[in-house]
Amino acid sequence: MEKLITELLVDSFDHLGKLGVPVAWSIGSIDVMPGTTQKSYAQINIPNLQRVLYKTEEFPPFLAFAKALQQYEPYTTLFAEAPDENEKFLLDPIYIAYEVLRSHMEAYSQRGIEIALASQIAANLDDCIKRKIFVIRGWSPLAGFTSTQDEIDCGNGLVIRRYSEIDAYRIGRVFEDGSLDMFNIPPYALEWNKEYSFVGNKSDESSWQNHIYPTVRALRVLSPGKVAVSFTKIIRAGPGRLSPHGGGSVPGFVPHIFETNYELAEADYETLQALIKVVARTDLPNPVRIALDRVHTAVERPSLEDEFIDHIVALEAMYGDNLGGLPGGLSHKIGVRLAMFLYASVADRKLAFRKMLDALTARGGLVHGSNTLANLKPRYRDAVVWAGDAARASVRKALLEDVQLEKDYFENLIFSANIPTPSVKKPAKTKGSA
């Protein structure tokens, strides 16, 4: 296989030179101007093979490669066994030749062969042919996200992976359709790599995208900050690997995220996997479903005030249903339920109760009065941020513990709680007392 690939590349570059393809091109670079933080992007300017070969009815290097490949026994066996409906176009020898040449040109900026790269291409192609597999690699930049780890397993086939800035820039460029270069691609992306058999069941190229929504949903429930997928693409799985690519899609609504303020702690990785499994359930109790939807949607709001209102609605959905059995008004009951549900110690419960009352007071001032976040008293501004943490914590606990919130759930929780009696200081003994 390595001999076939080497001959294909050497002959192709020789013919491309005769067709006027330059000896070098840009595969993209990013430089920082000295003394500044301003970045200079070198445009990706790889020769467009489709245009170069448009008037060439038969490209001799491709024909020679196709003839040689069709004499390679593992390839002929695979081609005979693969059903027509299972990505068989990937086995077309002319298509393979084009992809080999293209992947080399995207990774090496000279009109000549790079030996190590050619060897890698040959090894990857031979591996796919002999194992009778192709690979689907989905790629979705994750805006706003950061972590201390380079790779995080989501447990559902998706991996959160960190890319260098230049790799993200190059992958983000849509080579085939001539669109503009894509600047400032986030360093992290959701990635899907899955092998499919040419001779097995038909693959579903879009199935991986069904995992994106619950993953983002779980991320938003797990930690504060803004995180979103800006678009999705199917990209090449690696030089020489048989893989479909091209096309892409954009989610229904993508919030504009201008800063990286969502950080996933290493201690939360297992929790993320557990949340991903449950956020997509269709049988969630209505209060939990509403609260989950509001926590998810809050990230897409343009202002903190709007986020806060979503968080209050989430908390009221969780704790404001079936309010019989407790004394006091709505705010009092919601505060008591939240405190008892989330916390175990008396001190934490008292603090949460007061914070909930402050949050509801802040909501009233923002919605019905003339207040803004800027002129709220510090305790109420703190309660605005606290409400988001409380909403996420409430949804997380309900999901992970599979709380059904049946009627009288909170009352049973409250009235059966073993709350310690506060200690009372005994009065000091007076002089002369017995």
Foldseek 3Di string as FASTA:
>chain_A
DLVLLQQLLALVLVVVVVLPDDFFFDLKDWDADPPDRDIDIDFGDQDDPCVSCVPPPDDVSLVVSQVVQCVDVLLVVLLVQFDPQAPSVLSRSSNLSVLLNVQQVNVDGGSHDDSVLSVVLVVQQVVCSNVQKAKWKKKWFKPQEDEPDQWADLQPQKIKGFADQRVQQSQQQQPPPPDGGDHDGHRIIIMGIDMDHSNDDHDDNCPVVVLQVLLLLLLLLPWDDAIDTAKMWTDHPGRNGRYDTDDIGGPPDDADHDHRDRYDYPVCRVLSNLSSVFLPDPPAAPLLVQLSVLSSCLSRDPDLLSSLVSLLSSLCSNFVPQQPDDDDDRLQRSLQLLLLVQDQAPVSSVVSSVLSSLSVVLNCCVPVHDDDLVPDDPSSVVSSVVSSVSSSSSSSCCRNVVPRPPHCPSVCSVVVRDHDDDDDDDDDDDPPDD
